Structures are given as structure tokens and as C-alpha cells.
Amino acid sequence: MAGLAKAGDIRAGFSGNVCEISVEAGQDVAVGDRVAILEAMKMQTPVVSEVAGKVVKISAKVGQALQPGDKILKIDPEKE
């Protein structure tokens, strides 16, 4: 699935193409919210947020090929 390089960075966990970006910059997300869908070998896999906060930057585009570790988007985590 997705991985976090540091708090708020949502990265590809495997090689695949971006099918959908499910959020917009400025949108609030909760833990477990779907933020994107990646496709590999005709299987679509949802990418979910591992932190709650606000989407501050979307780095990937629909149709883009990603490698493991490539950044999909950045979330500014909520302060506890």
C-alpha cells in the first residue's frame, strides 16, 4: 500500500499507475480516508491516509507511472 517517508508524506508502496486522485488541495482528511487509487497488473488498489490533516500539495497526476517511494501527496498533520 502507501508508505510514509515522514509524517504527512503519502508515497506509492508499489509500482503502478495513478487511476484517480480522490482529494483536492485544501481538503481535510481523516485517517483511513481514500486519497488516491493506483493500478498495477489490472488491479486497482486504494491508497488511504495514514494521518489526519489538510492536503497541502498533490504531486502525482492521473495516468502517471509511479515507482515505490514516489510521492503522491502531502498532508499537513493535525496538531494533537
Protein backbone atom coordinates (compact mmCIF):
# COMPACT_ATOMS: atom_id res chain seq x y z
CA MET A 1 0.00 0.00 0.00
CA ALA A 2 1.16 3.56 0.58
CA GLY A 3 4.02 4.47 2.80
CA LEU A 4 5.03 7.44 4.90
CA ALA A 5 8.57 8.74 4.47
CA LYS A 6 7.84 11.33 7.13
CA ALA A 7 4.63 12.46 8.76
CA GLY A 8 2.20 13.60 6.10
CA ASP A 9 4.01 12.32 3.00
CA ILE A 10 1.83 9.78 1.21
CA ARG A 11 4.00 7.70 -1.13
CA ALA A 12 3.47 4.81 -3.50
CA GLY A 13 4.10 1.45 -1.87
CA PHE A 14 4.49 -0.35 -5.21
CA SER A 15 4.96 0.35 -8.93
CA GLY A 16 1.74 1.33 -10.65
CA ASN A 17 -0.22 3.99 -12.49
CA VAL A 18 -2.34 6.64 -10.82
CA CYS A 19 -6.01 5.96 -11.73
CA GLU A 20 -7.58 8.57 -9.51
CA ILE A 21 -6.68 11.36 -7.12
CA SER A 22 -9.60 11.37 -4.68
CA VAL A 23 -8.82 14.63 -2.83
CA GLU A 24 -8.04 18.25 -3.62
CA ALA A 25 -5.50 20.64 -2.13
CA GLY A 26 -7.01 22.30 0.93
CA GLN A 27 -9.29 19.36 1.72
CA ASP A 28 -9.38 17.92 5.25
CA VAL A 29 -8.83 14.16 5.51
CA ALA A 30 -9.14 11.66 8.34
CA VAL A 31 -7.12 8.53 9.00
CA GLY A 32 -8.38 5.86 6.60
CA ASP A 33 -9.84 8.24 4.00
CA ARG A 34 -9.10 7.20 0.42
CA VAL A 35 -6.81 9.77 -1.19
CA ALA A 36 -5.94 8.00 -4.47
CA ILE A 37 -6.21 4.77 -6.44
CA LEU A 38 -3.19 3.05 -8.01
CA GLU A 39 -3.43 0.36 -10.68
CA ALA A 40 -0.92 -2.42 -11.27
CA MET A 41 -1.46 -5.54 -13.36
CA LYS A 42 -5.14 -4.56 -13.94
CA MET A 43 -5.82 -4.45 -10.19
CA GLN A 44 -6.88 -1.18 -8.60
CA THR A 45 -5.69 -0.55 -5.05
CA PRO A 46 -6.91 2.32 -2.87
CA VAL A 47 -4.33 4.50 -1.14
CA VAL A 48 -5.58 5.69 2.24
CA SER A 49 -4.39 8.46 4.51
CA GLU A 50 -2.38 7.32 7.50
CA VAL A 51 -2.70 10.74 9.18
CA ALA A 52 -5.50 13.24 9.77
CA GLY A 53 -4.96 16.75 8.47
CA LYS A 54 -5.20 19.03 5.45
CA VAL A 55 -3.97 18.16 1.95
CA VAL A 56 -1.35 20.79 1.13
CA LYS A 57 0.19 19.51 -2.12
CA ILE A 58 -0.69 16.92 -4.75
CA SER A 59 2.46 15.71 -6.51
CA ALA A 60 1.10 12.90 -8.72
CA LYS A 61 -1.22 13.16 -11.72
CA VAL A 62 -3.80 10.75 -13.13
CA GLY A 63 -2.09 8.47 -15.65
CA GLN A 64 1.36 8.97 -14.12
CA ALA A 65 3.53 5.88 -13.59
CA LEU A 66 4.91 5.69 -10.05
CA GLN A 67 7.70 3.66 -8.51
CA PRO A 68 7.81 2.58 -4.86
CA GLY A 69 8.54 5.63 -2.71
CA ASP A 70 7.34 8.24 -5.23
CA LYS A 71 5.34 10.98 -3.50
CA ILE A 72 1.62 11.06 -4.25
CA LEU A 73 0.65 13.94 -1.97
CA LYS A 74 1.45 15.77 1.25
CA ILE A 75 -0.83 16.23 4.23
CA ASP A 76 -0.20 18.79 6.97
CA PRO A 77 -0.98 16.64 10.04
CA GLU A 78 -3.43 17.90 12.67
CA LYS A 79 -1.80 19.04 15.87
CA GLU A 80 -2.84 17.00 18.88
